[in-house]
């Protein structure tokens, strides 16, 4: 419904901002990551997710605007709220606790503990998030909207080499990310490839 809003930043807080768009003030809820990336100047533009929830008992509807600095964060927010049991508020909490890249890495590496450490996320929900996001991120990756960041050129070159050798892209990406997680990002392309080959 609303793709983005741009205007004068009249109020800025870790959980929300107020944008003056041609005389209309919009209260927009944000994550801590978006807050840290907001510019200091008055002009601001945020990608928007328009959320409507209805109270079952009273029938009253609640309309909220959520703002994001990057498309990848908004896409992850939408993936998170598509999981049964994850509300908009909980999704914002997850995005305030972990960066988009951290979330994607945790999913790729089956790092359930990364989500269990977030307030309000229990063991079962953490497992559910990893399981459901893995399927959805894989589908979106094929559409080119979200890609797992491998961090540097060496890792990208290693991934390209593994694909050229005939290995599956998705599996190779997971293995390279795992190798980097275990051995650090200082490995050369050759070391990355050799170590990854042992796990493929």
N, C-alpha and C. Protein backbone atom coordinates (compact mmCIF):
# COMPACT_ATOMS: atom_id res chain seq x y z
N UNK A 1 0.83 -1.20 0.00
CA UNK A 1 0.00 0.00 0.00
C UNK A 1 0.87 1.26 0.00
N UNK A 2 1.82 1.31 0.95
CA UNK A 2 2.79 2.42 0.99
C UNK A 2 4.17 1.82 0.78
N UNK A 3 4.85 2.22 -0.27
CA UNK A 3 6.17 1.67 -0.58
C UNK A 3 7.27 2.33 0.23
N UNK A 4 7.22 3.66 0.31
CA UNK A 4 8.21 4.39 1.10
C UNK A 4 7.63 5.74 1.50
N UNK A 5 8.27 6.35 2.50
CA UNK A 5 7.93 7.71 2.90
C UNK A 5 9.23 8.50 3.00
N UNK A 6 9.18 9.73 2.52
CA UNK A 6 10.36 10.60 2.63
C UNK A 6 9.91 11.97 3.08
N UNK A 7 10.73 12.58 3.93
CA UNK A 7 10.38 13.90 4.42
C UNK A 7 11.33 14.37 5.49
N UNK A 8 10.91 15.35 6.25
CA UNK A 8 11.73 15.94 7.30
C UNK A 8 11.66 15.08 8.56
N UNK A 9 12.82 14.75 9.09
CA UNK A 9 12.91 13.94 10.30
C UNK A 9 12.73 14.86 11.51
N UNK A 10 11.53 14.83 12.12
CA UNK A 10 11.24 15.75 13.21
C UNK A 10 11.40 15.11 14.58
N UNK A 11 11.43 13.78 14.61
CA UNK A 11 11.66 13.06 15.88
C UNK A 11 12.38 11.76 15.59
N UNK A 12 13.40 11.46 16.39
CA UNK A 12 14.21 10.26 16.17
C UNK A 12 14.48 9.58 17.51
N UNK A 13 14.05 8.32 17.63
CA UNK A 13 14.26 7.53 18.85
C UNK A 13 14.65 6.12 18.43
N UNK A 14 15.24 5.33 19.34
CA UNK A 14 15.65 3.96 18.99
C UNK A 14 14.53 3.05 18.52
N UNK A 15 13.28 3.39 18.86
CA UNK A 15 12.16 2.52 18.48
C UNK A 15 11.24 3.12 17.43
N UNK A 16 11.35 4.44 17.20
CA UNK A 16 10.45 5.06 16.23
C UNK A 16 11.02 6.39 15.72
N UNK A 17 10.46 6.84 14.62
CA UNK A 17 10.75 8.18 14.12
C UNK A 17 9.42 8.83 13.72
N UNK A 18 9.44 10.14 13.62
CA UNK A 18 8.30 10.86 13.07
C UNK A 18 8.79 11.62 11.85
N UNK A 19 8.15 11.37 10.72
CA UNK A 19 8.51 12.04 9.47
C UNK A 19 7.43 13.03 9.09
N UNK A 20 7.84 14.24 8.78
CA UNK A 20 6.91 15.26 8.28
C UNK A 20 6.95 15.19 6.76
N UNK A 21 5.89 14.63 6.18
CA UNK A 21 5.79 14.49 4.73
C UNK A 21 4.77 15.50 4.21
N UNK A 22 5.24 16.65 3.76
CA UNK A 22 4.37 17.71 3.24
C UNK A 22 3.29 18.11 4.23
N UNK A 23 3.69 18.26 5.50
CA UNK A 23 2.75 18.74 6.50
C UNK A 23 2.00 17.66 7.25
N UNK A 24 2.18 16.39 6.86
CA UNK A 24 1.54 15.27 7.56
C UNK A 24 2.63 14.50 8.32
N UNK A 25 2.44 14.34 9.63
CA UNK A 25 3.43 13.64 10.44
C UNK A 25 3.11 12.16 10.56
N UNK A 26 4.05 11.31 10.16
CA UNK A 26 3.85 9.86 10.24
C UNK A 26 4.73 9.27 11.35
N UNK A 27 4.10 8.53 12.27
CA UNK A 27 4.84 7.80 13.30
C UNK A 27 5.23 6.45 12.71
N UNK A 28 6.53 6.20 12.63
CA UNK A 28 7.03 4.98 11.99
C UNK A 28 7.88 4.20 12.98
N UNK A 29 7.51 2.95 13.20
CA UNK A 29 8.26 2.09 14.11
C UNK A 29 9.47 1.52 13.38
N UNK A 30 10.61 1.50 14.07
CA UNK A 30 11.85 1.05 13.43
C UNK A 30 12.60 0.08 14.35
N UNK A 31 13.54 -0.65 13.76
CA UNK A 31 14.42 -1.52 14.55
C UNK A 31 15.63 -0.72 14.99
N UNK A 32 16.38 -1.27 15.91
CA UNK A 32 17.59 -0.60 16.39
C UNK A 32 18.63 -0.48 15.27
N UNK A 33 18.67 -1.49 14.39
CA UNK A 33 19.61 -1.45 13.26
C UNK A 33 19.29 -0.30 12.32
N UNK A 34 18.01 -0.09 12.04
CA UNK A 34 17.62 1.03 11.19
C UNK A 34 17.94 2.35 11.87
N UNK A 35 17.69 2.42 13.18
CA UNK A 35 17.99 3.65 13.95
C UNK A 35 19.46 4.03 13.81
N UNK A 36 20.35 3.03 13.92
CA UNK A 36 21.79 3.29 13.85
C UNK A 36 22.23 3.76 12.47
N UNK A 37 21.43 3.41 11.44
CA UNK A 37 21.80 3.77 10.06
C UNK A 37 21.14 5.06 9.59
N UNK A 38 20.27 5.63 10.42
CA UNK A 38 19.58 6.85 10.01
C UNK A 38 20.56 8.01 9.86
N UNK A 39 20.35 8.85 8.87
CA UNK A 39 21.25 10.00 8.68
C UNK A 39 21.01 11.05 9.75
N UNK A 40 22.00 11.89 9.97
CA UNK A 40 21.88 12.96 10.96
C UNK A 40 21.15 14.18 10.38
N UNK A 41 21.13 14.28 9.06
CA UNK A 41 20.47 15.43 8.45
C UNK A 41 18.95 15.30 8.57
N UNK A 42 18.27 16.41 8.28
CA UNK A 42 16.82 16.45 8.48
C UNK A 42 16.06 15.54 7.51
N UNK A 43 16.52 15.48 6.25
CA UNK A 43 15.79 14.69 5.25
C UNK A 43 16.00 13.20 5.48
N UNK A 44 14.94 12.44 5.36
CA UNK A 44 15.03 11.00 5.58
C UNK A 44 14.04 10.27 4.66
N UNK A 45 14.46 9.11 4.19
CA UNK A 45 13.59 8.25 3.39
C UNK A 45 13.62 6.84 3.96
N UNK A 46 12.45 6.27 4.21
CA UNK A 46 12.36 4.91 4.76
C UNK A 46 11.43 4.05 3.92
N UNK A 47 11.84 2.81 3.69
CA UNK A 47 10.96 1.83 3.07
C UNK A 47 9.92 1.44 4.11
N UNK A 48 8.70 1.20 3.68
CA UNK A 48 7.59 1.01 4.63
C UNK A 48 6.92 -0.35 4.50
N UNK A 49 6.56 -0.90 5.65
CA UNK A 49 5.63 -2.04 5.70
C UNK A 49 4.43 -1.57 6.50
N UNK A 50 3.25 -1.66 5.88
CA UNK A 50 2.00 -1.22 6.52
C UNK A 50 1.33 -2.43 7.16
N UNK A 51 1.18 -2.38 8.48
CA UNK A 51 0.65 -3.52 9.22
C UNK A 51 -0.72 -3.21 9.82
N UNK A 52 -1.65 -4.14 9.63
CA UNK A 52 -2.98 -4.01 10.22
C UNK A 52 -3.28 -5.28 11.01
N UNK A 53 -3.59 -5.11 12.29
CA UNK A 53 -3.97 -6.25 13.12
C UNK A 53 -5.33 -5.96 13.73
N UNK A 54 -6.12 -7.02 13.94
CA UNK A 54 -7.47 -6.87 14.47
C UNK A 54 -7.58 -7.62 15.80
N UNK A 55 -8.08 -6.94 16.82
CA UNK A 55 -8.31 -7.56 18.12
C UNK A 55 -9.54 -8.45 18.03
N UNK A 56 -9.35 -9.74 18.30
CA UNK A 56 -10.43 -10.72 18.15
C UNK A 56 -11.61 -10.40 19.07
N UNK A 57 -11.33 -9.95 20.27
CA UNK A 57 -12.40 -9.70 21.25
C UNK A 57 -13.20 -8.45 20.94
N UNK A 58 -12.50 -7.35 20.72
CA UNK A 58 -13.20 -6.07 20.51
C UNK A 58 -13.51 -5.77 19.05
N UNK A 59 -12.74 -6.40 18.15
CA UNK A 59 -12.94 -6.12 16.73
C UNK A 59 -12.22 -4.87 16.27
N UNK A 60 -11.52 -4.20 17.22
CA UNK A 60 -10.80 -2.98 16.87
C UNK A 60 -9.56 -3.30 16.05
N UNK A 61 -9.28 -2.45 15.08
CA UNK A 61 -8.10 -2.67 14.23
C UNK A 61 -6.98 -1.72 14.63
N UNK A 62 -5.76 -2.22 14.52
CA UNK A 62 -4.58 -1.45 14.88
C UNK A 62 -3.71 -1.27 13.64
N UNK A 63 -3.48 -0.03 13.24
CA UNK A 63 -2.71 0.25 12.03
C UNK A 63 -1.34 0.80 12.41
N UNK A 64 -0.28 0.14 11.94
CA UNK A 64 1.08 0.55 12.27
C UNK A 64 1.93 0.64 11.01
N UNK A 65 2.88 1.56 11.03
CA UNK A 65 3.86 1.68 9.95
C UNK A 65 5.22 1.27 10.49
N UNK A 66 5.89 0.38 9.77
CA UNK A 66 7.25 -0.04 10.13
C UNK A 66 8.19 0.44 9.03
N UNK A 67 9.30 1.07 9.45
CA UNK A 67 10.22 1.64 8.48
C UNK A 67 11.56 0.93 8.47
N UNK A 68 12.17 0.86 7.29
CA UNK A 68 13.44 0.15 7.12
C UNK A 68 14.38 0.96 6.22
N UNK A 69 15.65 0.91 6.57
CA UNK A 69 16.66 1.63 5.80
C UNK A 69 17.09 0.86 4.55
N UNK A 70 17.02 -0.49 4.64
CA UNK A 70 17.47 -1.33 3.53
C UNK A 70 16.37 -2.29 3.08
N UNK A 71 16.30 -2.59 1.77
CA UNK A 71 15.30 -3.54 1.27
C UNK A 71 15.43 -4.92 1.91
N UNK A 72 16.67 -5.36 2.17
CA UNK A 72 16.88 -6.69 2.73
C UNK A 72 16.28 -6.81 4.13
N UNK A 73 16.34 -5.72 4.90
CA UNK A 73 15.76 -5.77 6.24
C UNK A 73 14.24 -5.85 6.17
N UNK A 74 13.64 -5.10 5.27
CA UNK A 74 12.18 -5.16 5.13
C UNK A 74 11.75 -6.54 4.65
N UNK A 75 12.50 -7.12 3.73
CA UNK A 75 12.17 -8.44 3.22
C UNK A 75 12.24 -9.48 4.33
N UNK A 76 13.28 -9.39 5.17
CA UNK A 76 13.40 -10.32 6.30
C UNK A 76 12.28 -10.12 7.31
N UNK A 77 11.89 -8.87 7.54
CA UNK A 77 10.77 -8.57 8.43
C UNK A 77 9.50 -9.27 7.92
N UNK A 78 9.26 -9.17 6.63
CA UNK A 78 8.07 -9.79 6.04
C UNK A 78 8.14 -11.31 6.10
N UNK A 79 9.34 -11.86 5.95
CA UNK A 79 9.49 -13.31 6.09
C UNK A 79 9.23 -13.75 7.53
N UNK A 80 9.71 -12.97 8.47
CA UNK A 80 9.54 -13.31 9.88
C UNK A 80 8.07 -13.29 10.29
N UNK A 81 7.33 -12.26 9.88
CA UNK A 81 5.92 -12.18 10.29
C UNK A 81 5.05 -13.18 9.55
N UNK A 82 5.59 -13.81 8.51
CA UNK A 82 4.84 -14.85 7.82
C UNK A 82 4.89 -16.18 8.59
N UNK A 83 5.77 -16.24 9.59
CA UNK A 83 5.89 -17.43 10.44
C UNK A 83 4.84 -17.36 11.54
N UNK A 84 4.05 -18.41 11.68
CA UNK A 84 3.01 -18.45 12.70
C UNK A 84 3.62 -18.27 14.09
N UNK A 85 3.09 -17.30 14.84
CA UNK A 85 3.59 -17.05 16.18
C UNK A 85 4.54 -15.87 16.27
N UNK A 86 4.95 -15.34 15.11
CA UNK A 86 5.85 -14.17 15.10
C UNK A 86 5.02 -12.93 14.75
N UNK A 87 4.87 -12.04 15.72
CA UNK A 87 4.14 -10.80 15.49
C UNK A 87 5.07 -9.74 14.92
N UNK A 88 4.50 -8.63 14.52
CA UNK A 88 5.32 -7.52 14.01
C UNK A 88 6.29 -7.03 15.08
N UNK A 89 5.82 -6.99 16.32
CA UNK A 89 6.66 -6.54 17.43
C UNK A 89 7.83 -7.48 17.67
N UNK A 90 7.54 -8.79 17.60
CA UNK A 90 8.61 -9.78 17.78
C UNK A 90 9.61 -9.73 16.63
N UNK A 91 9.11 -9.55 15.42
CA UNK A 91 10.00 -9.44 14.25
C UNK A 91 10.91 -8.24 14.39
N UNK A 92 10.38 -7.14 14.90
CA UNK A 92 11.20 -5.94 15.10
C UNK A 92 12.26 -6.20 16.19
N UNK A 93 11.88 -6.96 17.21
CA UNK A 93 12.83 -7.30 18.27
C UNK A 93 13.99 -8.13 17.71
N UNK A 94 13.67 -9.08 16.82
CA UNK A 94 14.70 -9.92 16.20
C UNK A 94 15.64 -9.06 15.36
N UNK A 95 15.06 -8.14 14.58
CA UNK A 95 15.87 -7.27 13.72
C UNK A 95 16.64 -6.21 14.52
N UNK A 96 16.22 -5.98 15.76
CA UNK A 96 16.96 -5.06 16.62
C UNK A 96 18.12 -5.77 17.30
N UNK A 97 17.98 -7.10 17.44
CA UNK A 97 19.01 -7.88 18.13
C UNK A 97 20.08 -8.39 17.18
N UNK A 98 19.68 -8.67 15.93
CA UNK A 98 20.61 -9.22 14.93
C UNK A 98 20.52 -8.42 13.64
N UNK A 99 21.63 -8.24 12.97
CA UNK A 99 21.60 -7.58 11.66
C UNK A 99 21.03 -8.55 10.63
N UNK A 100 20.66 -8.02 9.47
CA UNK A 100 20.13 -8.88 8.39
C UNK A 100 21.12 -9.97 8.03
N UNK A 101 22.41 -9.61 7.93
CA UNK A 101 23.43 -10.60 7.59
C UNK A 101 23.59 -11.65 8.69
N UNK A 102 23.49 -11.21 9.95
CA UNK A 102 23.59 -12.16 11.07
C UNK A 102 22.44 -13.15 11.05
N UNK A 103 21.25 -12.67 10.74
CA UNK A 103 20.07 -13.55 10.67
C UNK A 103 20.25 -14.57 9.56
N UNK A 104 20.67 -14.11 8.39
CA UNK A 104 20.83 -15.02 7.25
C UNK A 104 21.95 -16.03 7.51
N UNK A 105 23.03 -15.59 8.14
CA UNK A 105 24.12 -16.51 8.47
C UNK A 105 23.65 -17.55 9.48
N UNK A 106 22.88 -17.11 10.48
CA UNK A 106 22.37 -18.03 11.50
C UNK A 106 21.47 -19.09 10.89
N UNK A 107 20.68 -18.68 9.92
CA UNK A 107 19.78 -19.62 9.24
C UNK A 107 20.59 -20.63 8.42
N UNK A 108 21.55 -20.13 7.66
CA UNK A 108 22.38 -20.99 6.81
C UNK A 108 23.15 -22.01 7.64
N UNK A 109 23.64 -21.57 8.80
CA UNK A 109 24.48 -22.43 9.64
C UNK A 109 23.68 -23.19 10.70
N UNK A 110 22.34 -23.12 10.62
CA UNK A 110 21.48 -23.79 11.61
C UNK A 110 21.83 -23.35 13.04
N UNK A 111 22.13 -22.09 13.20
CA UNK A 111 22.51 -21.56 14.51
C UNK A 111 21.26 -21.15 15.30
N UNK A 112 20.61 -22.13 15.91
CA UNK A 112 19.38 -21.89 16.67
C UNK A 112 19.66 -21.00 17.88
N UNK A 113 20.84 -21.14 18.48
CA UNK A 113 21.19 -20.36 19.68
C UNK A 113 21.14 -18.86 19.43
N UNK A 114 21.42 -18.44 18.19
CA UNK A 114 21.40 -17.01 17.88
C UNK A 114 20.01 -16.42 18.11
N UNK A 115 18.97 -17.22 17.83
CA UNK A 115 17.60 -16.75 18.02
C UNK A 115 17.12 -16.97 19.45
N UNK A 116 17.61 -18.04 20.10
CA UNK A 116 17.23 -18.32 21.48
C UNK A 116 17.71 -17.22 22.42
N UNK A 117 18.76 -16.52 22.03
CA UNK A 117 19.32 -15.46 22.89
C UNK A 117 18.47 -14.19 22.86
N UNK A 118 17.48 -14.13 21.96
CA UNK A 118 16.63 -12.94 21.83
C UNK A 118 15.46 -13.03 22.81
N UNK A 119 15.18 -11.95 23.49
CA UNK A 119 14.09 -11.90 24.46
C UNK A 119 12.76 -12.28 23.81
N UNK A 120 12.07 -13.23 24.43
CA UNK A 120 10.76 -13.63 23.93
C UNK A 120 10.79 -14.79 22.95
N UNK A 121 11.97 -15.24 22.57
CA UNK A 121 12.11 -16.37 21.64
C UNK A 121 12.55 -17.61 22.41
N UNK A 122 11.67 -18.60 22.50
CA UNK A 122 11.99 -19.84 23.19
C UNK A 122 12.67 -20.83 22.26
N UNK A 123 13.12 -21.98 22.79
CA UNK A 123 13.81 -23.00 21.99
C UNK A 123 12.99 -23.49 20.80
N UNK A 124 11.71 -23.76 21.01
CA UNK A 124 10.87 -24.28 19.92
C UNK A 124 10.69 -23.25 18.82
N UNK A 125 10.46 -22.00 19.21
CA UNK A 125 10.29 -20.94 18.21
C UNK A 125 11.59 -20.69 17.46
N UNK A 126 12.72 -20.78 18.16
CA UNK A 126 14.02 -20.58 17.52
C UNK A 126 14.25 -21.62 16.42
N UNK A 127 13.91 -22.87 16.73
CA UNK A 127 14.04 -23.96 15.75
C UNK A 127 13.10 -23.71 14.58
N UNK A 128 11.90 -23.26 14.89
CA UNK A 128 10.89 -22.99 13.85
C UNK A 128 11.35 -21.88 12.92
N UNK A 129 11.94 -20.83 13.49
CA UNK A 129 12.43 -19.71 12.68
C UNK A 129 13.50 -20.18 11.70
N UNK A 130 14.48 -20.94 12.21
CA UNK A 130 15.56 -21.43 11.36
C UNK A 130 15.01 -22.32 10.25
N UNK A 131 14.10 -23.23 10.61
CA UNK A 131 13.54 -24.17 9.64
C UNK A 131 12.74 -23.45 8.55
N UNK A 132 11.85 -22.54 8.96
CA UNK A 132 10.97 -21.88 7.99
C UNK A 132 11.71 -20.82 7.16
N UNK A 133 12.64 -20.11 7.80
CA UNK A 133 13.38 -19.10 7.04
C UNK A 133 14.30 -19.73 6.01
N UNK A 134 14.84 -20.90 6.34
CA UNK A 134 15.77 -21.56 5.42
C UNK A 134 15.07 -21.83 4.09
N UNK A 135 13.87 -22.37 4.14
CA UNK A 135 13.11 -22.64 2.92
C UNK A 135 12.78 -21.35 2.16
N UNK A 136 12.36 -20.34 2.90
CA UNK A 136 11.91 -19.10 2.26
C UNK A 136 13.08 -18.30 1.70
N UNK A 137 14.19 -18.27 2.41
CA UNK A 137 15.36 -17.55 1.92
C UNK A 137 15.91 -18.21 0.66
N UNK A 138 15.91 -19.55 0.64
CA UNK A 138 16.37 -20.27 -0.56
C UNK A 138 15.53 -19.90 -1.77
N UNK A 139 14.21 -19.81 -1.59
CA UNK A 139 13.33 -19.47 -2.70
C UNK A 139 13.56 -18.04 -3.17
N UNK A 140 13.75 -17.13 -2.22
CA UNK A 140 13.96 -15.73 -2.57
C UNK A 140 15.32 -15.54 -3.23
N UNK A 141 16.31 -16.31 -2.77
CA UNK A 141 17.64 -16.21 -3.38
C UNK A 141 17.58 -16.52 -4.87
N UNK A 142 16.76 -17.52 -5.24
CA UNK A 142 16.68 -17.89 -6.65
C UNK A 142 16.04 -16.78 -7.46
N UNK A 143 15.24 -15.93 -6.77
CA UNK A 143 14.62 -14.80 -7.45
C UNK A 143 15.50 -13.57 -7.43
N UNK A 144 16.65 -13.67 -6.76
CA UNK A 144 17.60 -12.58 -6.76
C UNK A 144 17.31 -11.45 -5.80
N UNK A 145 16.33 -11.62 -4.89
CA UNK A 145 15.98 -10.52 -3.99
C UNK A 145 16.85 -10.48 -2.75
N UNK A 146 17.21 -11.65 -2.24
CA UNK A 146 18.06 -11.70 -1.06
C UNK A 146 19.20 -12.65 -1.35
N UNK A 147 20.39 -12.26 -0.98
CA UNK A 147 21.53 -13.17 -1.13
C UNK A 147 22.29 -13.19 0.18
N UNK A 148 22.84 -14.33 0.53
CA UNK A 148 23.64 -14.42 1.74
C UNK A 148 24.97 -13.74 1.50
N UNK A 149 25.27 -12.78 2.33
CA UNK A 149 26.53 -12.06 2.17
C UNK A 149 27.69 -12.92 2.65
N UNK A 150 28.67 -13.10 1.79
CA UNK A 150 29.84 -13.89 2.16
C UNK A 150 30.99 -13.00 2.61
N UNK A 151 30.78 -11.71 2.60
CA UNK A 151 31.71 -10.82 3.27
C UNK A 151 32.85 -10.26 2.45
N UNK A 152 33.58 -11.07 1.69
CA UNK A 152 34.69 -10.49 0.94
C UNK A 152 34.93 -11.20 -0.37
N UNK A 153 35.86 -10.65 -1.15
CA UNK A 153 36.13 -11.16 -2.50
C UNK A 153 36.64 -12.59 -2.48
N UNK A 154 37.51 -12.93 -1.53
CA UNK A 154 38.06 -14.29 -1.46
C UNK A 154 36.95 -15.33 -1.33
N UNK A 155 35.98 -15.04 -0.49
CA UNK A 155 34.88 -15.97 -0.28
C UNK A 155 34.01 -16.08 -1.52
N UNK A 156 33.78 -14.94 -2.19
CA UNK A 156 32.99 -14.97 -3.43
C UNK A 156 33.71 -15.75 -4.53
N UNK A 157 35.03 -15.57 -4.59
CA UNK A 157 35.82 -16.30 -5.59
C UNK A 157 35.81 -17.80 -5.31
N UNK A 158 35.89 -18.15 -4.03
CA UNK A 158 35.85 -19.57 -3.66
C UNK A 158 34.51 -20.17 -4.05
N UNK A 159 33.43 -19.42 -3.79
CA UNK A 159 32.09 -19.90 -4.15
C UNK A 159 31.96 -20.09 -5.66
N UNK A 160 32.45 -19.12 -6.41
CA UNK A 160 32.41 -19.20 -7.88
C UNK A 160 33.17 -20.43 -8.38
N UNK A 161 34.32 -20.68 -7.76
CA UNK A 161 35.14 -21.84 -8.16
C UNK A 161 34.42 -23.15 -7.87
N UNK A 162 33.79 -23.24 -6.72
CA UNK A 162 33.08 -24.47 -6.35
C UNK A 162 31.90 -24.74 -7.28
N UNK A 163 31.21 -23.66 -7.66
CA UNK A 163 30.09 -23.80 -8.61
C UNK A 163 30.62 -24.26 -9.96
N UNK A 164 31.76 -23.68 -10.37
CA UNK A 164 32.38 -24.05 -11.65
C UNK A 164 32.81 -25.52 -11.65
N UNK A 165 33.13 -26.03 -10.46
CA UNK A 165 33.53 -27.44 -10.33
C UNK A 165 32.34 -28.39 -10.35
N UNK A 166 31.14 -27.81 -10.38
CA UNK A 166 29.94 -28.63 -10.50
C UNK A 166 29.15 -28.81 -9.23
N UNK A 167 29.54 -28.12 -8.15
CA UNK A 167 28.82 -28.25 -6.89
C UNK A 167 27.60 -27.33 -6.86
N UNK A 168 26.58 -27.75 -6.12
CA UNK A 168 25.35 -26.99 -5.99
C UNK A 168 25.62 -25.64 -5.33
N UNK A 169 25.06 -24.57 -5.88
CA UNK A 169 25.32 -23.21 -5.38
C UNK A 169 24.89 -23.04 -3.92
N UNK A 170 23.67 -23.46 -3.62
CA UNK A 170 23.15 -23.29 -2.26
C UNK A 170 23.98 -24.04 -1.23
N UNK A 171 24.33 -25.29 -1.56
CA UNK A 171 25.12 -26.10 -0.63
C UNK A 171 26.53 -25.54 -0.50
N UNK A 172 27.11 -25.10 -1.62
CA UNK A 172 28.47 -24.53 -1.59
C UNK A 172 28.51 -23.27 -0.73
N UNK A 173 27.48 -22.45 -0.85
CA UNK A 173 27.41 -21.21 -0.09
C UNK A 173 27.38 -21.50 1.40
N UNK A 174 26.60 -22.52 1.78
CA UNK A 174 26.50 -22.89 3.19
C UNK A 174 27.83 -23.41 3.73
N UNK A 175 28.51 -24.21 2.91
CA UNK A 175 29.79 -24.78 3.34
C UNK A 175 30.85 -23.69 3.47
N UNK A 176 30.90 -22.76 2.50
CA UNK A 176 31.88 -21.67 2.57
C UNK A 176 31.61 -20.81 3.81
N UNK A 177 30.34 -20.52 4.07
CA UNK A 177 29.99 -19.73 5.27
C UNK A 177 30.40 -20.47 6.54
N UNK A 178 30.22 -21.79 6.52
CA UNK A 178 30.60 -22.60 7.69
C UNK A 178 32.12 -22.58 7.90
N UNK A 179 32.87 -22.71 6.80
CA UNK A 179 34.33 -22.69 6.88
C UNK A 179 34.82 -21.36 7.44
N UNK A 180 34.23 -20.27 6.96
CA UNK A 180 34.61 -18.94 7.44
C UNK A 180 34.27 -18.79 8.92
N UNK A 181 33.11 -19.35 9.31
CA UNK A 181 32.71 -19.29 10.70
C UNK A 181 33.67 -20.05 11.61
N UNK A 182 34.21 -21.15 11.10
CA UNK A 182 35.10 -21.99 11.91
C UNK A 182 36.55 -21.50 11.90
N UNK A 183 37.01 -21.00 10.74
CA UNK A 183 38.43 -20.66 10.59
C UNK A 183 38.71 -19.16 10.45
N UNK A 184 37.66 -18.34 10.39
CA UNK A 184 37.86 -16.91 10.24
C UNK A 184 37.91 -16.50 8.77
N UNK A 185 37.92 -15.20 8.53
CA UNK A 185 37.85 -14.68 7.16
C UNK A 185 39.23 -14.42 6.54
N UNK A 186 40.29 -14.83 7.25
CA UNK A 186 41.64 -14.56 6.75
C UNK A 186 42.18 -15.63 5.81
N UNK A 187 41.40 -16.67 5.53
CA UNK A 187 41.86 -17.74 4.64
C UNK A 187 42.01 -17.25 3.21
N UNK A 188 42.97 -17.79 2.49
CA UNK A 188 43.13 -17.46 1.07
C UNK A 188 42.06 -18.20 0.29
N UNK A 189 41.92 -17.84 -0.99
CA UNK A 189 40.95 -18.51 -1.84
C UNK A 189 41.24 -20.00 -1.91
N UNK A 190 42.52 -20.34 -2.07
CA UNK A 190 42.91 -21.75 -2.18
C UNK A 190 42.58 -22.52 -0.91
N UNK A 191 42.88 -21.91 0.25
CA UNK A 191 42.59 -22.57 1.52
C UNK A 191 41.09 -22.75 1.73
N UNK A 192 40.34 -21.74 1.32
CA UNK A 192 38.88 -21.82 1.43
C UNK A 192 38.34 -22.97 0.59
N UNK A 193 38.81 -23.05 -0.64
CA UNK A 193 38.33 -24.09 -1.57
C UNK A 193 38.70 -25.48 -1.07
N UNK A 194 39.96 -25.65 -0.65
CA UNK A 194 40.42 -26.96 -0.18
C UNK A 194 39.64 -27.42 1.05
N UNK A 195 39.42 -26.50 1.98
CA UNK A 195 38.68 -26.84 3.20
C UNK A 195 37.22 -27.15 2.87
N UNK A 196 36.65 -26.36 1.98
CA UNK A 196 35.24 -26.57 1.60
C UNK A 196 35.05 -27.90 0.86
N UNK A 197 36.02 -28.25 0.02
CA UNK A 197 35.94 -29.51 -0.73
C UNK A 197 35.86 -30.73 0.19
N UNK A 198 36.51 -30.63 1.34
CA UNK A 198 36.49 -31.74 2.29
C UNK A 198 35.11 -31.95 2.92
N UNK A 199 34.29 -30.89 2.86
CA UNK A 199 32.96 -30.95 3.48
C UNK A 199 31.82 -31.09 2.48
N UNK A 200 32.16 -31.04 1.20
CA UNK A 200 31.13 -31.16 0.15
C UNK A 200 30.95 -32.61 -0.30
